[in-house]
Amino acid sequence: MGLVSVLLIGGGVVAFLYMRDSGQKPPVALPTADPVPTTTTAPPSDPPSAAPSDPPTSEPAEPTPAPSDTRSTTSKRVDPGSPLTDDEFEDWDFKLGDVELQAKKVAGWTYDSCDPVDGQGVLARNNCRRAVQLAYTAYRGHIKAVQLVLSFPSEGAAKTAATRLASLTSDAVRWHTDKTHKSYAYGKMRSGASKKYVVITVLTADKAAKSMATYYHQYLQSDIASYFLFRDLTITS
């Protein structure tokens, strides 16, 4: 299993194990763990012929969605402070102004500790308590993404872990590499802290979807991050 990344949203930061599956720990594939990585691999030699339609003409600014103008069915409503489970997250259906993006959730895993995704002990040293891992596909499989959400005892612990992870190589965490492309034209990860959580997003795209990948990656990461800014808030009258 593996780990990925997060963004800043509205002044906050965003961020993602006894396994419920077979317990496989695949090797790390992506080359960098920078918060906004720049390294990509060479494009695959034989990409699919179908291409996604209407790619953006330029890279978007960092999205800063507000509750009033954003629609997302990324997650279900849960009780504040409840333990993370992969069932909390559904297909991704995002809308912000003229931007509409979707991804299908194809797999999810819930872990009772962070050990299965802790590649170098950073999570253990910061008392990571629990994790989920999510796999998505979009544009008929031309884009694939894996997200990890990590739960910490405090905002300080989450921020410290995210800062440390950003300074290390990608093998500091582990994720399901079988849920990303084996060869890709775009392959990057984003990570960050949001409240008591760290969110990591690994996204790969083949040559046909390369022009859409950065645009898509930003919104997928930022939307999950913004969710955790409000997940555990208790509203009283």
C-alpha atoms as a PDB file:
ATOM      1  CA  MET A   1       0.000   0.000   0.000  1.00  0.00           C
ATOM      2  CA  GLY A   2       1.207   3.487  -0.436  1.00  0.00           C
ATOM      3  CA  LEU A   3       0.809   7.073   0.357  1.00  0.00           C
ATOM      4  CA  VAL A   4       0.279  10.369  -1.474  1.00  0.00           C
ATOM      5  CA  SER A   5      -0.240  14.236  -0.980  1.00  0.00           C
ATOM      6  CA  VAL A   6      -2.046  17.611  -0.096  1.00  0.00           C
ATOM      7  CA  LEU A   7      -2.616  21.399  -0.700  1.00  0.00           C
ATOM      8  CA  LEU A   8      -3.354  24.678   1.090  1.00  0.00           C
ATOM      9  CA  ILE A   9      -6.990  25.746   1.043  1.00  0.00           C
ATOM     10  CA  GLY A  10      -8.556  28.884   2.451  1.00  0.00           C
ATOM     11  CA  GLY A  11      -5.622  29.430   4.786  1.00  0.00           C
ATOM     12  CA  GLY A  12      -5.584  25.817   5.973  1.00  0.00           C
ATOM     13  CA  VAL A  13      -3.517  22.878   4.865  1.00  0.00           C
ATOM     14  CA  VAL A  14      -4.769  19.611   3.435  1.00  0.00           C
ATOM     15  CA  ALA A  15      -3.555  16.159   3.319  1.00  0.00           C
ATOM     16  CA  PHE A  16      -4.024  10.751   3.737  1.00  0.00           C
ATOM     17  CA  LEU A  17      -2.809  -0.202   9.003  1.00  0.00           C
ATOM     18  CA  TYR A  18      -3.474  -4.523   9.915  1.00  0.00           C
ATOM     19  CA  MET A  19      -5.063  -4.492   6.426  1.00  0.00           C
ATOM     20  CA  ARG A  20      -8.514  -5.591   5.441  1.00  0.00           C
ATOM     21  CA  ASP A  21      -7.167  -6.929   2.168  1.00  0.00           C
ATOM     22  CA  SER A  22      -4.414  -9.432   1.374  1.00  0.00           C
ATOM     23  CA  GLY A  23      -1.748  -7.431   3.208  1.00  0.00           C
ATOM     24  CA  GLN A  24       0.408  -6.949   0.128  1.00  0.00           C
ATOM     25  CA  LYS A  25       2.953  -4.099   0.344  1.00  0.00           C
ATOM     26  CA  PRO A  26       3.962  -3.252  -3.225  1.00  0.00           C
ATOM     27  CA  PRO A  27       7.131  -1.309  -3.935  1.00  0.00           C
ATOM     28  CA  VAL A  28       7.045   2.429  -4.345  1.00  0.00           C
ATOM     29  CA  ALA A  29       6.885   3.629  -7.942  1.00  0.00           C
ATOM     30  CA  LEU A  30       6.821   7.424  -8.104  1.00  0.00           C
ATOM     31  CA  PRO A  31      10.049   9.427  -7.993  1.00  0.00           C
ATOM     32  CA  THR A  32       9.306  12.276  -5.594  1.00  0.00           C
ATOM     33  CA  ALA A  33       7.408  13.292  -2.472  1.00  0.00           C
ATOM     34  CA  ASP A  34       7.620  17.060  -2.876  1.00  0.00           C
ATOM     35  CA  PRO A  35       4.390  18.953  -2.033  1.00  0.00           C
ATOM     36  CA  VAL A  36       4.276  20.201  -5.619  1.00  0.00           C
ATOM     37  CA  PRO A  37       6.543  17.715  -7.421  1.00  0.00           C
ATOM     38  CA  THR A  38       7.962  18.429 -10.842  1.00  0.00           C
ATOM     39  CA  THR A  39       9.509  15.131 -11.920  1.00  0.00           C
ATOM     40  CA  THR A  40       7.703  12.954 -14.451  1.00  0.00           C
ATOM     41  CA  THR A  41       8.616   9.765 -16.213  1.00  0.00           C
ATOM     42  CA  ALA A  42       8.898   9.247 -19.943  1.00  0.00           C
ATOM     43  CA  PRO A  43       5.537   8.648 -21.639  1.00  0.00           C
ATOM     44  CA  PRO A  44       4.450   5.042 -22.133  1.00  0.00           C
ATOM     45  CA  SER A  45       5.423   3.499 -25.415  1.00  0.00           C
ATOM     46  CA  ASP A  46       1.954   2.337 -26.399  1.00  0.00           C
ATOM     47  CA  PRO A  47      -0.792   4.536 -24.878  1.00  0.00           C
ATOM     48  CA  PRO A  48      -4.485   3.790 -25.538  1.00  0.00           C
ATOM     49  CA  SER A  49      -5.885   5.363 -28.667  1.00  0.00           C
ATOM     50  CA  ALA A  50      -8.913   7.033 -27.052  1.00  0.00           C
ATOM     51  CA  ALA A  51      -8.272  10.462 -25.567  1.00  0.00           C
ATOM     52  CA  PRO A  52     -10.253  12.507 -23.043  1.00  0.00           C
ATOM     53  CA  SER A  53     -12.216  15.371 -24.516  1.00  0.00           C
ATOM     54  CA  ASP A  54     -11.911  19.100 -23.857  1.00  0.00           C
ATOM     55  CA  PRO A  55      -8.555  19.356 -22.046  1.00  0.00           C
ATOM     56  CA  PRO A  56      -7.837  22.725 -20.388  1.00  0.00           C
ATOM     57  CA  THR A  57      -5.934  25.280 -22.445  1.00  0.00           C
ATOM     58  CA  SER A  58      -3.799  26.339 -19.468  1.00  0.00           C
ATOM     59  CA  GLU A  59      -3.015  25.239 -15.926  1.00  0.00           C
ATOM     60  CA  PRO A  60      -5.579  26.540 -13.412  1.00  0.00           C
ATOM     61  CA  ALA A  61      -4.826  28.617 -10.360  1.00  0.00           C
ATOM     62  CA  GLU A  62      -4.888  26.783  -7.050  1.00  0.00           C
ATOM     63  CA  PRO A  63      -8.596  26.109  -6.375  1.00  0.00           C
ATOM     64  CA  THR A  64     -10.132  27.587  -3.231  1.00  0.00           C
ATOM     65  CA  PRO A  65     -13.703  26.279  -3.169  1.00  0.00           C
ATOM     66  CA  ALA A  66     -16.268  27.762  -0.820  1.00  0.00           C
ATOM     67  CA  PRO A  67     -19.187  25.731   0.572  1.00  0.00           C
ATOM     68  CA  SER A  68     -21.721  27.971  -1.197  1.00  0.00           C
ATOM     69  CA  ASP A  69     -20.497  27.344  -4.738  1.00  0.00           C
ATOM     70  CA  THR A  70     -19.018  23.864  -4.542  1.00  0.00           C
ATOM     71  CA  ARG A  71     -20.677  20.501  -5.067  1.00  0.00           C
ATOM     72  CA  SER A  72     -18.847  17.319  -4.207  1.00  0.00           C
ATOM     73  CA  THR A  73     -20.060  13.814  -3.374  1.00  0.00           C
ATOM     74  CA  THR A  74     -16.572  12.710  -2.410  1.00  0.00           C
ATOM     75  CA  SER A  75     -17.684  11.775   1.093  1.00  0.00           C
ATOM     76  CA  LYS A  76     -20.637  10.918   3.280  1.00  0.00           C
ATOM     77  CA  ARG A  77     -21.677  12.822   6.376  1.00  0.00           C
ATOM     78  CA  VAL A  78     -20.147  11.227   9.479  1.00  0.00           C
ATOM     79  CA  ASP A  79     -20.289  12.029  13.178  1.00  0.00           C
ATOM     80  CA  PRO A  80     -17.543  14.474  14.206  1.00  0.00           C
ATOM     81  CA  GLY A  81     -14.520  12.628  15.574  1.00  0.00           C
ATOM     82  CA  SER A  82     -15.622   9.229  14.287  1.00  0.00           C
ATOM     83  CA  PRO A  83     -12.890   6.806  13.121  1.00  0.00           C
ATOM     84  CA  LEU A  84     -11.890   6.952   9.448  1.00  0.00           C
ATOM     85  CA  THR A  85     -13.198   4.215   7.173  1.00  0.00           C
ATOM     86  CA  ASP A  86     -12.980   3.878   3.404  1.00  0.00           C
ATOM     87  CA  ASP A  87     -16.800   3.648   3.288  1.00  0.00           C
ATOM     88  CA  GLU A  88     -16.818   7.349   4.174  1.00  0.00           C
ATOM     89  CA  PHE A  89     -15.689   8.123   0.613  1.00  0.00           C
ATOM     90  CA  GLU A  90     -17.671   7.562  -2.572  1.00  0.00           C
ATOM     91  CA  ASP A  91     -17.345   8.343  -6.270  1.00  0.00           C
ATOM     92  CA  TRP A  92     -15.915  11.826  -6.750  1.00  0.00           C
ATOM     93  CA  ASP A  93     -18.337  14.303  -8.330  1.00  0.00           C
ATOM     94  CA  PHE A  94     -16.940  17.819  -8.154  1.00  0.00           C
ATOM     95  CA  LYS A  95     -18.294  21.160  -9.374  1.00  0.00           C
ATOM     96  CA  LEU A  96     -16.835  24.625  -8.860  1.00  0.00           C
ATOM     97  CA  GLY A  97     -18.191  27.309 -11.182  1.00  0.00           C
ATOM     98  CA  ASP A  98     -17.635  26.022 -14.715  1.00  0.00           C
ATOM     99  CA  VAL A  99     -15.370  23.194 -13.525  1.00  0.00           C
ATOM    100  CA  GLU A 100     -16.971  19.751 -13.387  1.00  0.00           C
ATOM    101  CA  LEU A 101     -14.826  16.668 -12.710  1.00  0.00           C
ATOM    102  CA  GLN A 102     -15.691  13.092 -11.835  1.00  0.00           C
ATOM    103  CA  ALA A 103     -13.864   9.911 -10.850  1.00  0.00           C
ATOM    104  CA  LYS A 104     -15.115   6.450  -9.995  1.00  0.00           C
ATOM    105  CA  LYS A 105     -14.026   4.874  -6.738  1.00  0.00           C
ATOM    106  CA  VAL A 106     -12.788   1.406  -7.649  1.00  0.00           C
ATOM    107  CA  ALA A 107     -11.357   0.225  -4.315  1.00  0.00           C
ATOM    108  CA  GLY A 108     -10.927   1.204  -0.675  1.00  0.00           C
ATOM    109  CA  TRP A 109      -9.042  -0.095   2.352  1.00  0.00           C
ATOM    110  CA  THR A 110      -9.357   0.697   6.065  1.00  0.00           C
ATOM    111  CA  TYR A 111      -6.427   0.169   8.456  1.00  0.00           C
ATOM    112  CA  ASP A 112      -6.503   0.023  12.243  1.00  0.00           C
ATOM    113  CA  SER A 113      -2.993   1.498  12.352  1.00  0.00           C
ATOM    114  CA  CYS A 114      -0.629   3.287   9.980  1.00  0.00           C
ATOM    115  CA  ASP A 115       2.018   0.535   9.940  1.00  0.00           C
ATOM    116  CA  PRO A 116       1.131  -0.909   6.501  1.00  0.00           C
ATOM    117  CA  VAL A 117       1.740   2.448   4.777  1.00  0.00           C
ATOM    118  CA  ASP A 118       4.665   3.643   6.909  1.00  0.00           C
ATOM    119  CA  GLY A 119       7.758   3.222   4.756  1.00  0.00           C
ATOM    120  CA  GLN A 120      10.403   4.876   6.957  1.00  0.00           C
ATOM    121  CA  GLY A 121       8.847   5.187  10.416  1.00  0.00           C
ATOM    122  CA  VAL A 122       7.808   8.835  10.059  1.00  0.00           C
ATOM    123  CA  LEU A 123       4.164   8.036  10.727  1.00  0.00           C
ATOM    124  CA  ALA A 124       4.941   5.962  13.822  1.00  0.00           C
ATOM    125  CA  ARG A 125       7.200   8.658  15.266  1.00  0.00           C
ATOM    126  CA  ASN A 126       4.339  11.148  14.980  1.00  0.00           C
ATOM    127  CA  ASN A 127       1.761   8.772  16.493  1.00  0.00           C
ATOM    128  CA  CYS A 128      -0.275   8.214  13.341  1.00  0.00           C
ATOM    129  CA  ARG A 129      -3.382   6.397  14.533  1.00  0.00           C
ATOM    130  CA  ARG A 130      -5.389   5.195  11.565  1.00  0.00           C
ATOM    131  CA  ALA A 131      -5.459   5.330   7.780  1.00  0.00           C
ATOM    132  CA  VAL A 132      -7.586   4.711   4.739  1.00  0.00           C
ATOM    133  CA  GLN A 133      -6.513   4.212   1.157  1.00  0.00           C
ATOM    134  CA  LEU A 134      -8.709   4.963  -1.855  1.00  0.00           C
ATOM    135  CA  ALA A 135      -8.348   4.172  -5.554  1.00  0.00           C
ATOM    136  CA  TYR A 136     -10.043   6.139  -8.358  1.00  0.00           C
ATOM    137  CA  THR A 137     -10.162   6.071 -12.137  1.00  0.00           C
ATOM    138  CA  ALA A 138     -11.326   8.736 -14.609  1.00  0.00           C
ATOM    139  CA  TYR A 139     -11.489   9.330 -18.370  1.00  0.00           C
ATOM    140  CA  ARG A 140     -12.023   5.665 -19.170  1.00  0.00           C
ATOM    141  CA  GLY A 141      -8.915   4.661 -17.231  1.00  0.00           C
ATOM    142  CA  HIS A 142      -6.565   7.238 -18.779  1.00  0.00           C
ATOM    143  CA  ILE A 143      -6.242   8.823 -15.322  1.00  0.00           C
ATOM    144  CA  LYS A 144      -5.728   6.773 -12.150  1.00  0.00           C
ATOM    145  CA  ALA A 145      -5.261   8.010  -8.604  1.00  0.00           C
ATOM    146  CA  VAL A 146      -4.583   6.616  -5.150  1.00  0.00           C
ATOM    147  CA  GLN A 147      -5.208   8.665  -2.030  1.00  0.00           C
ATOM    148  CA  LEU A 148      -4.226   8.032   1.559  1.00  0.00           C
ATOM    149  CA  VAL A 149      -5.735   9.837   4.507  1.00  0.00           C
ATOM    150  CA  LEU A 150      -3.843   9.552   7.803  1.00  0.00           C
ATOM    151  CA  SER A 151      -5.351  10.386  11.178  1.00  0.00           C
ATOM    152  CA  PHE A 152      -3.182  11.940  13.940  1.00  0.00           C
ATOM    153  CA  PRO A 153      -3.865  12.812  17.595  1.00  0.00           C
ATOM    154  CA  SER A 154      -3.411  16.558  17.047  1.00  0.00           C
ATOM    155  CA  GLU A 155      -3.030  19.220  14.365  1.00  0.00           C
ATOM    156  CA  GLY A 156       0.583  19.695  15.424  1.00  0.00           C
ATOM    157  CA  ALA A 157       1.414  16.018  14.925  1.00  0.00           C
ATOM    158  CA  ALA A 158      -0.213  16.034  11.484  1.00  0.00           C
ATOM    159  CA  LYS A 159       1.663  19.164  10.411  1.00  0.00           C
ATOM    160  CA  THR A 160       4.989  17.795  11.669  1.00  0.00           C
ATOM    161  CA  ALA A 161       4.469  14.512   9.814  1.00  0.00           C
ATOM    162  CA  ALA A 162       3.473  16.281   6.589  1.00  0.00           C
ATOM    163  CA  THR A 163       6.510  18.577   6.766  1.00  0.00           C
ATOM    164  CA  ARG A 164       8.838  15.632   7.327  1.00  0.00           C
ATOM    165  CA  LEU A 165       7.291  13.570   4.528  1.00  0.00           C
ATOM    166  CA  ALA A 166       7.750  16.486   2.131  1.00  0.00           C
ATOM    167  CA  SER A 167      11.515  16.380   2.715  1.00  0.00           C
ATOM    168  CA  LEU A 168      11.847  12.643   2.019  1.00  0.00           C
ATOM    169  CA  THR A 169      11.657  10.443  -1.058  1.00  0.00           C
ATOM    170  CA  SER A 170       8.390   8.760  -1.955  1.00  0.00           C
ATOM    171  CA  ASP A 171       9.348   5.460  -0.281  1.00  0.00           C
ATOM    172  CA  ALA A 172       8.574   7.111   3.057  1.00  0.00           C
ATOM    173  CA  VAL A 173       5.049   5.813   2.432  1.00  0.00           C
ATOM    174  CA  ARG A 174       3.526   2.833   0.648  1.00  0.00           C
ATOM    175  CA  TRP A 175       0.416   2.569  -1.514  1.00  0.00           C
ATOM    176  CA  HIS A 176      -1.327   0.204  -3.934  1.00  0.00           C
ATOM    177  CA  THR A 177       0.833   0.721  -7.006  1.00  0.00           C
ATOM    178  CA  ASP A 178      -1.338  -1.811  -8.844  1.00  0.00           C
ATOM    179  CA  LYS A 179      -4.047   0.878  -8.867  1.00  0.00           C
ATOM    180  CA  THR A 180      -1.888   3.342 -10.826  1.00  0.00           C
ATOM    181  CA  HIS A 181      -0.374   3.015 -14.316  1.00  0.00           C
ATOM    182  CA  LYS A 182       2.767   0.894 -14.652  1.00  0.00           C
ATOM    183  CA  SER A 183       4.001   3.305 -17.303  1.00  0.00           C
ATOM    184  CA  TYR A 184       2.801   6.867 -17.516  1.00  0.00           C
ATOM    185  CA  ALA A 185       3.342  10.224 -19.130  1.00  0.00           C
ATOM    186  CA  TYR A 186       2.412  12.040 -15.897  1.00  0.00           C
ATOM    187  CA  GLY A 187       3.220  10.651 -12.458  1.00  0.00           C
ATOM    188  CA  LYS A 188       3.303  12.924  -9.402  1.00  0.00           C
ATOM    189  CA  MET A 189       2.250  13.132  -5.798  1.00  0.00           C
ATOM    190  CA  ARG A 190       0.895  15.937  -3.609  1.00  0.00           C
ATOM    191  CA  SER A 191       0.701  15.935   0.195  1.00  0.00           C
ATOM    192  CA  GLY A 192      -0.193  18.155   3.115  1.00  0.00           C
ATOM    193  CA  ALA A 193      -1.901  18.483   6.484  1.00  0.00           C
ATOM    194  CA  SER A 194      -5.498  19.514   7.096  1.00  0.00           C
ATOM    195  CA  LYS A 195      -6.469  19.800  10.749  1.00  0.00           C
ATOM    196  CA  LYS A 196      -5.554  16.431  12.348  1.00  0.00           C
ATOM    197  CA  TYR A 197      -5.174  14.641   9.015  1.00  0.00           C
ATOM    198  CA  VAL A 198      -2.553  14.236   6.330  1.00  0.00           C
ATOM    199  CA  VAL A 199      -3.791  13.719   2.785  1.00  0.00           C
ATOM    200  CA  ILE A 200      -1.576  12.262   0.084  1.00  0.00           C
ATOM    201  CA  THR A 201      -2.634  11.965  -3.566  1.00  0.00           C
ATOM    202  CA  VAL A 202      -0.695   9.983  -6.159  1.00  0.00           C
ATOM    203  CA  LEU A 203      -1.945  10.475  -9.704  1.00  0.00           C
ATOM    204  CA  THR A 204      -0.786   8.960 -12.983  1.00  0.00           C
ATOM    205  CA  ALA A 205      -2.006   9.539 -16.528  1.00  0.00           C
ATOM    206  CA  ASP A 206      -1.121   8.012 -19.866  1.00  0.00           C
ATOM    207  CA  LYS A 207      -0.090  10.065 -22.881  1.00  0.00           C
ATOM    208  CA  ALA A 208      -3.691  10.572 -23.978  1.00  0.00           C
ATOM    209  CA  ALA A 209      -4.592  12.294 -20.680  1.00  0.00           C
ATOM    210  CA  LYS A 210      -1.317  14.056 -19.895  1.00  0.00           C
ATOM    211  CA  SER A 211      -2.673  17.516 -20.760  1.00  0.00           C
ATOM    212  CA  MET A 212      -5.470  17.060 -18.206  1.00  0.00           C
ATOM    213  CA  ALA A 213      -3.442  15.498 -15.411  1.00  0.00           C
ATOM    214  CA  THR A 214      -2.140  18.538 -13.493  1.00  0.00           C
ATOM    215  CA  TYR A 215      -5.530  20.249 -13.671  1.00  0.00           C
ATOM    216  CA  TYR A 216      -7.268  17.110 -12.408  1.00  0.00           C
ATOM    217  CA  HIS A 217      -4.650  16.392  -9.723  1.00  0.00           C
ATOM    218  CA  GLN A 218      -5.008  19.850  -8.166  1.00  0.00           C
ATOM    219  CA  TYR A 219      -8.763  19.643  -7.767  1.00  0.00           C
ATOM    220  CA  LEU A 220      -8.828  16.051  -6.499  1.00  0.00           C
ATOM    221  CA  GLN A 221      -6.234  16.872  -3.851  1.00  0.00           C
ATOM    222  CA  SER A 222      -7.752  20.193  -2.809  1.00  0.00           C
ATOM    223  CA  ASP A 223     -11.312  18.890  -2.568  1.00  0.00           C
ATOM    224  CA  ILE A 224     -10.345  16.067  -0.209  1.00  0.00           C
ATOM    225  CA  ALA A 225      -8.254  18.510   1.808  1.00  0.00           C
ATOM    226  CA  SER A 226     -11.102  20.986   2.194  1.00  0.00           C
ATOM    227  CA  TYR A 227     -13.388  18.210   3.404  1.00  0.00           C
ATOM    228  CA  PHE A 228     -11.160  17.616   6.420  1.00  0.00           C
ATOM    229  CA  LEU A 229     -11.223  21.276   7.384  1.00  0.00           C
ATOM    230  CA  PHE A 230     -14.866  20.751   8.419  1.00  0.00           C
ATOM    231  CA  ARG A 231     -15.242  16.997   9.042  1.00  0.00           C
ATOM    232  CA  ASP A 232     -14.944  17.088  12.842  1.00  0.00           C
ATOM    233  CA  LEU A 233     -16.628  20.421  13.542  1.00  0.00           C
ATOM    234  CA  THR A 234     -19.479  20.238  16.046  1.00  0.00           C
ATOM    235  CA  ILE A 235     -22.257  22.757  15.440  1.00  0.00           C
ATOM    236  CA  THR A 236     -24.227  23.807  18.479  1.00  0.00           C
ATOM    237  CA  SER A 237     -27.238  26.092  18.706  1.00  0.00           C
END
